Amino acid sequence: MHKRKYALHYKIALIINYLGHCISVGALIVAFMLFLCLRSIRCLRNIIHWNLITTFILRNVMWFLLQMIDHNIHESNEPWCRCITTVYNYFVVTNFFWMFVEGCYLHTAIVMTYSTDKLRKWVFLFIGWCIPCPIIIAWAIGKLYYENEQCWFGKEPGKYIDYIYQGPVILVLLINFVFLFNIVRILMTKLRASTTSETIQYRKAVKATLVLLPLLGITYMLFFVNPGEDDISQIVFIYFNSFLQSFQGFFVSVFYCFLNGEVRSAARKRWHRWQDHHSLRVRVARAMSIPTSPTRISFHSIKQTAAV
């Protein structure tokens, strides 16, 4: 009875997962296109947001590919299947490293009061995209020699190869929480009275990070806190974990793009420009079509006059 009950909950959780990932991918693609098209807002802060959104798109796409792997292929441990798991875990790590970049940028700009104009984009790109590479390569080598089974997805009790990449992720999360503590402390004192547009944007970015970082951290830590099979908490865990895991990309899109004042203002201006351009084309088209009717009448009149 219990097995049947949990099987039903896992099926519902899988539906939630698919629904959440579909909604997240849709929102993430819209957010990605907005950052791509709105060149007027392409500052370092929004480039960081853009890269974080990109990692979520790639991670979600790889998640869908993982779901398509057949159980027999999973058991036979095909090389291409192991590659998909490796790439998926790489994008999981880049997610958290780009979240670290978000915290690092805010901490540098607000706590250290370092001019953001002096910050180099390539440094953040290196942290977000390059540092995860050796971590995942080391993990893949460990899996190949010590846990080369089931497409490298998941781990049996007593096997700790996955901590090769999970350890750095936990460290990054802890550092980010320290960053956030310092940022909030400074915001509560030094920046409260300031009303410049840049400071307002910083405050909004901090609010978004305050919401998203615990969200990302909670969903990741849930991997280590799986309650017992015979407890009602198992059912709560199944639904809570499925919802948070699948809707992460949606929350990131909302807080870093759709609620971003710069993005909304630039999108509104772009929309008004398009409307003005469209209405101008309509007026020009109408103006060019007006002379055709009088011309025909005048030629007809001339013909009648000539006949008389």
Protein backbone atom coordinates (compact mmCIF):
# COMPACT_ATOMS: atom_id res chain seq x y z
CA MET A 1 0.00 0.00 0.00
CA HIS A 2 2.78 2.42 0.99
CA LYS A 3 4.80 1.59 -2.11
CA ARG A 4 1.81 2.26 -4.32
CA LYS A 5 1.17 5.51 -2.46
CA TYR A 6 4.74 6.76 -2.89
CA ALA A 7 4.79 5.64 -6.52
CA LEU A 8 1.78 7.88 -7.15
CA HIS A 9 3.49 10.83 -5.42
CA TYR A 10 6.64 10.32 -7.48
CA LYS A 11 4.57 10.36 -10.68
CA ILE A 12 2.88 13.61 -9.64
CA ALA A 13 6.27 15.05 -8.66
CA LEU A 14 7.62 14.14 -12.10
CA ILE A 15 4.72 16.01 -13.74
CA ILE A 16 5.51 19.04 -11.51
CA ASN A 17 9.14 18.73 -12.59
CA TYR A 18 8.30 18.72 -16.29
CA LEU A 19 5.82 21.59 -15.89
CA GLY A 20 8.26 23.65 -13.82
CA HIS A 21 11.16 23.10 -16.21
CA CYS A 22 8.98 24.01 -19.23
CA ILE A 23 7.80 27.24 -17.57
CA SER A 24 11.35 28.01 -16.46
CA VAL A 25 12.80 27.47 -19.94
CA GLY A 26 10.12 29.72 -21.47
CA ALA A 27 10.75 32.51 -18.94
CA LEU A 28 14.54 32.13 -19.24
CA ILE A 29 14.48 32.38 -23.05
CA VAL A 30 12.35 35.56 -22.87
CA ALA A 31 14.77 37.02 -20.30
CA PHE A 32 17.78 35.99 -22.43
CA MET A 33 16.30 37.68 -25.53
CA LEU A 34 15.55 40.86 -23.57
CA PHE A 35 19.16 41.13 -22.37
CA LEU A 36 20.34 40.33 -25.92
CA CYS A 37 18.16 42.92 -27.69
CA LEU A 38 18.28 45.79 -25.16
CA ARG A 39 21.79 47.04 -25.80
CA SER A 40 21.21 50.28 -23.89
CA ILE A 41 21.33 48.38 -20.56
CA ARG A 42 24.40 46.28 -21.34
CA CYS A 43 26.47 47.15 -18.27
CA LEU A 44 28.61 44.71 -16.28
CA ARG A 45 25.88 44.08 -13.70
CA ASN A 46 23.34 43.06 -16.34
CA ILE A 47 25.93 41.02 -18.26
CA ILE A 48 26.38 38.99 -15.05
CA HIS A 49 22.59 38.51 -14.86
CA TRP A 50 22.61 37.46 -18.52
CA ASN A 51 25.28 34.81 -17.95
CA LEU A 52 23.45 33.42 -14.91
CA ILE A 53 20.28 33.10 -17.00
CA THR A 54 22.30 31.40 -19.77
CA THR A 55 23.59 28.75 -17.35
CA PHE A 56 20.02 28.02 -16.26
CA ILE A 57 18.85 27.60 -19.85
CA LEU A 58 21.69 25.16 -20.59
CA ARG A 59 21.15 23.31 -17.31
CA ASN A 60 17.41 22.88 -17.98
CA VAL A 61 18.05 21.68 -21.55
CA MET A 62 20.48 19.07 -20.20
CA TRP A 63 17.88 18.05 -17.59
CA PHE A 64 15.40 17.26 -20.38
CA LEU A 65 18.06 15.20 -22.16
CA LEU A 66 18.70 13.23 -18.95
CA GLN A 67 14.98 12.43 -18.67
CA MET A 68 15.04 10.96 -22.18
CA ILE A 69 17.65 8.33 -21.23
CA ASP A 70 16.13 4.86 -21.16
CA HIS A 71 16.55 2.67 -18.07
CA ASN A 72 18.43 0.02 -20.07
CA ILE A 73 20.90 2.63 -21.35
CA HIS A 74 21.25 3.92 -17.80
CA GLU A 75 22.12 0.43 -16.55
CA SER A 76 24.46 -0.33 -19.47
CA ASN A 77 26.45 2.85 -18.66
CA GLU A 78 26.89 4.06 -22.25
CA PRO A 79 29.75 6.58 -22.82
CA TRP A 80 27.46 9.22 -24.40
CA CYS A 81 25.12 8.87 -21.42
CA ARG A 82 28.02 9.58 -19.05
CA CYS A 83 28.90 12.64 -21.16
CA ILE A 84 25.36 14.03 -20.75
CA THR A 85 25.58 13.62 -16.96
CA THR A 86 29.00 15.31 -16.95
CA VAL A 87 27.78 18.30 -18.98
CA TYR A 88 24.66 18.58 -16.79
CA ASN A 89 26.77 18.66 -13.61
CA TYR A 90 29.07 21.25 -15.20
CA PHE A 91 26.12 23.58 -15.74
CA VAL A 92 24.92 22.91 -12.17
CA VAL A 93 28.32 24.08 -10.90
CA THR A 94 28.37 27.11 -13.23
CA ASN A 95 24.94 28.07 -11.82
CA PHE A 96 26.40 28.47 -8.36
CA PHE A 97 29.64 30.07 -9.53
CA TRP A 98 27.66 32.72 -11.42
CA MET A 99 25.59 33.24 -8.28
CA PHE A 100 28.94 33.69 -6.52
CA VAL A 101 29.87 36.27 -9.19
CA GLU A 102 26.60 38.11 -8.44
CA GLY A 103 27.53 38.26 -4.75
CA CYS A 104 31.16 39.14 -5.51
CA TYR A 105 30.16 42.05 -7.76
CA LEU A 106 27.74 43.50 -5.19
CA HIS A 107 30.24 43.03 -2.35
CA THR A 108 33.00 44.77 -4.35
CA ALA A 109 30.75 47.69 -5.36
CA ILE A 110 28.99 48.26 -2.03
CA VAL A 111 31.18 47.01 0.82
CA MET A 112 34.62 47.66 -0.68
CA THR A 113 33.33 50.82 -2.46
CA TYR A 114 35.48 49.91 -5.45
CA SER A 115 34.57 51.64 -8.70
CA THR A 116 32.69 49.16 -10.90
CA ASP A 117 34.24 50.83 -13.98
CA LYS A 118 37.58 49.30 -12.96
CA LEU A 119 36.16 45.78 -12.71
CA ARG A 120 37.10 43.55 -15.63
CA LYS A 121 34.48 41.46 -17.37
CA TRP A 122 36.98 38.71 -18.27
CA VAL A 123 37.68 38.05 -14.57
CA PHE A 124 34.01 37.28 -13.91
CA LEU A 125 33.76 35.23 -17.12
CA PHE A 126 36.78 33.21 -15.99
CA ILE A 127 35.26 32.60 -12.53
CA GLY A 128 31.82 31.66 -13.90
CA TRP A 129 32.76 29.49 -16.88
CA CYS A 130 36.39 28.32 -16.46
CA ILE A 131 36.86 27.46 -12.77
CA PRO A 132 34.08 24.79 -12.86
CA CYS A 133 35.93 22.98 -15.69
CA PRO A 134 38.82 21.42 -13.65
CA ILE A 135 36.36 20.61 -10.85
CA ILE A 136 34.12 18.60 -13.19
CA ILE A 137 37.12 17.00 -14.95
CA ALA A 138 38.41 15.80 -11.56
CA TRP A 139 34.92 14.49 -10.72
CA ALA A 140 34.69 12.66 -14.08
CA ILE A 141 38.10 11.03 -13.55
CA GLY A 142 37.02 9.93 -10.05
CA LYS A 143 33.78 8.49 -11.42
CA LEU A 144 35.60 6.69 -14.24
CA TYR A 145 37.99 4.89 -11.88
CA TYR A 146 35.88 4.41 -8.73
CA GLU A 147 32.14 4.69 -9.51
CA ASN A 148 31.85 3.84 -13.20
CA GLU A 149 28.20 2.76 -13.19
CA GLN A 150 24.65 3.93 -14.01
CA CYS A 151 25.76 6.79 -16.28
CA TRP A 152 27.45 8.45 -13.26
CA PHE A 153 24.07 9.73 -12.12
CA GLY A 154 23.52 9.58 -8.36
CA LYS A 155 25.66 7.74 -5.81
CA GLU A 156 25.38 4.71 -3.58
CA PRO A 157 25.69 5.10 0.22
CA GLY A 158 29.31 5.25 1.28
CA LYS A 159 30.58 6.65 -2.04
CA TYR A 160 31.76 10.24 -1.96
CA ILE A 161 33.11 11.06 -5.44
CA ASP A 162 30.21 13.52 -5.97
CA TYR A 163 31.63 15.69 -3.19
CA ILE A 164 34.43 16.66 -5.61
CA TYR A 165 31.98 19.11 -7.20
CA GLN A 166 29.48 19.42 -4.36
CA GLY A 167 32.19 20.60 -1.94
CA PRO A 168 33.15 23.71 -4.00
CA VAL A 169 29.44 24.49 -4.49
CA ILE A 170 28.81 24.41 -0.72
CA LEU A 171 31.91 26.59 -0.18
CA VAL A 172 30.67 29.11 -2.76
CA LEU A 173 27.25 29.22 -1.05
CA LEU A 174 28.83 29.87 2.36
CA ILE A 175 31.05 32.66 0.97
CA ASN A 176 28.01 34.22 -0.70
CA PHE A 177 26.09 34.22 2.59
CA VAL A 178 29.04 36.07 4.19
CA PHE A 179 28.98 38.55 1.28
CA LEU A 180 25.24 39.08 1.76
CA PHE A 181 25.65 39.67 5.50
CA ASN A 182 28.22 42.41 4.85
CA ILE A 183 26.18 43.93 2.01
CA VAL A 184 22.99 44.14 4.10
CA ARG A 185 24.96 45.63 7.02
CA ILE A 186 26.31 48.40 4.78
CA LEU A 187 22.95 48.99 3.10
CA MET A 188 21.24 49.41 6.47
CA THR A 189 23.61 52.22 7.41
CA LYS A 190 25.54 53.87 4.62
CA LEU A 191 23.21 53.61 1.59
CA ARG A 192 19.84 54.12 3.27
CA ALA A 193 19.79 57.89 2.73
CA SER A 194 21.27 57.79 -0.77
CA THR A 195 18.81 58.27 -3.65
CA THR A 196 21.04 58.09 -6.74
CA SER A 197 19.81 55.85 -9.55
CA GLU A 198 22.87 53.58 -9.27
CA THR A 199 22.32 53.09 -5.54
CA ILE A 200 18.64 52.28 -6.12
CA GLN A 201 19.67 49.65 -8.68
CA TYR A 202 22.15 48.19 -6.17
CA ARG A 203 19.42 47.97 -3.54
CA LYS A 204 17.12 46.16 -5.97
CA ALA A 205 19.93 43.79 -6.96
CA VAL A 206 20.62 43.03 -3.29
CA LYS A 207 16.92 42.28 -2.69
CA ALA A 208 16.91 39.89 -5.65
CA THR A 209 20.06 38.17 -4.39
CA LEU A 210 18.64 37.93 -0.87
CA VAL A 211 15.65 36.04 -2.28
CA LEU A 212 17.46 33.88 -4.82
CA LEU A 213 20.57 32.81 -2.91
CA PRO A 214 18.69 31.14 -0.03
CA LEU A 215 16.35 29.62 -2.63
CA LEU A 216 19.24 28.11 -4.58
CA GLY A 217 20.99 27.09 -1.37
CA ILE A 218 17.92 25.41 0.12
CA THR A 219 17.24 23.41 -3.04
CA TYR A 220 20.85 22.25 -3.17
CA MET A 221 21.08 21.32 0.52
CA LEU A 222 17.88 19.26 0.16
CA PHE A 223 19.95 16.68 -1.73
CA PHE A 224 21.66 15.84 1.57
CA VAL A 225 18.49 15.77 3.73
CA ASN A 226 16.29 13.04 2.32
CA PRO A 227 13.89 11.93 5.08
CA GLY A 228 12.94 8.30 5.80
CA GLU A 229 10.67 6.33 3.50
CA ASP A 230 8.01 5.59 6.12
CA ASP A 231 7.47 9.16 7.28
CA ILE A 232 4.97 11.75 6.05
CA SER A 233 7.95 14.09 5.73
CA GLN A 234 9.03 12.01 2.71
CA ILE A 235 5.91 13.13 0.82
CA VAL A 236 6.52 16.76 1.78
CA PHE A 237 10.14 16.40 0.65
CA ILE A 238 9.14 14.94 -2.71
CA TYR A 239 6.83 17.84 -3.60
CA PHE A 240 8.90 20.63 -2.02
CA ASN A 241 12.10 19.50 -3.74
CA SER A 242 10.39 18.99 -7.13
CA PHE A 243 8.79 22.44 -7.04
CA LEU A 244 11.91 24.35 -6.01
CA GLN A 245 14.25 22.46 -8.34
CA SER A 246 12.06 22.89 -11.42
CA PHE A 247 11.00 26.53 -10.88
CA GLN A 248 14.49 27.91 -10.09
CA GLY A 249 14.94 29.30 -13.60
CA PHE A 250 11.55 31.01 -13.46
CA PHE A 251 12.42 32.76 -10.17
CA VAL A 252 15.80 33.88 -11.54
CA SER A 253 14.10 35.33 -14.65
CA VAL A 254 11.52 37.20 -12.57
CA PHE A 255 13.90 38.74 -10.03
CA TYR A 256 16.86 39.51 -12.30
CA CYS A 257 15.00 40.46 -15.49
CA PHE A 258 11.22 40.96 -15.36
CA LEU A 259 11.37 43.00 -12.11
CA ASN A 260 14.59 44.75 -13.13
CA GLY A 261 13.80 48.48 -13.44
CA GLU A 262 16.43 49.05 -16.15
CA VAL A 263 15.12 46.20 -18.28
CA ARG A 264 11.50 47.30 -17.94
CA SER A 265 12.31 50.93 -18.76
CA ALA A 266 14.44 49.98 -21.80
CA ALA A 267 11.78 47.53 -23.03
CA ARG A 268 9.08 50.21 -22.67
CA LYS A 269 11.15 52.72 -24.67
CA ARG A 270 11.86 50.10 -27.34
CA TRP A 271 8.13 49.30 -27.57
CA HIS A 272 7.18 53.01 -27.90
CA ARG A 273 9.82 53.48 -30.61
CA TRP A 274 8.44 50.50 -32.51
CA GLN A 275 4.87 51.87 -32.19
CA ASP A 276 5.97 55.31 -33.44
CA HIS A 277 7.86 53.76 -36.35
CA HIS A 278 4.90 51.51 -37.22
CA SER A 279 2.38 54.40 -37.11
CA LEU A 280 4.71 56.53 -39.26
CA ARG A 281 4.89 53.77 -41.88
CA VAL A 282 1.09 53.49 -41.87
CA ARG A 283 0.70 57.27 -42.36
CA VAL A 284 3.26 57.29 -45.19
CA ALA A 285 1.51 54.34 -46.88
CA ARG A 286 -1.85 56.12 -46.63
CA ALA A 287 -0.39 59.39 -47.94
CA MET A 288 1.09 57.62 -50.94
CA SER A 289 -2.20 55.87 -51.73
CA ILE A 290 -4.41 59.04 -51.64
CA PRO A 291 -3.41 60.57 -55.07
CA THR A 292 -4.42 57.48 -57.03
CA SER A 293 -8.17 58.13 -56.79
CA PRO A 294 -8.17 61.84 -57.84
CA THR A 295 -5.85 61.02 -60.73
CA ARG A 296 -8.35 58.57 -62.18
CA ILE A 297 -11.17 61.13 -61.80
CA SER A 298 -9.18 63.84 -63.50
CA PHE A 299 -8.30 61.59 -66.45
CA HIS A 300 -11.97 60.62 -66.75
CA SER A 301 -12.96 64.32 -66.73
CA ILE A 302 -10.41 65.13 -69.40
CA LYS A 303 -11.75 62.33 -71.58
CA GLN A 304 -15.33 63.61 -71.16
CA THR A 305 -14.25 67.18 -71.96
CA ALA A 306 -12.46 66.06 -75.09
CA ALA A 307 -15.54 64.15 -76.26
CA VAL A 308 -17.71 67.26 -75.92
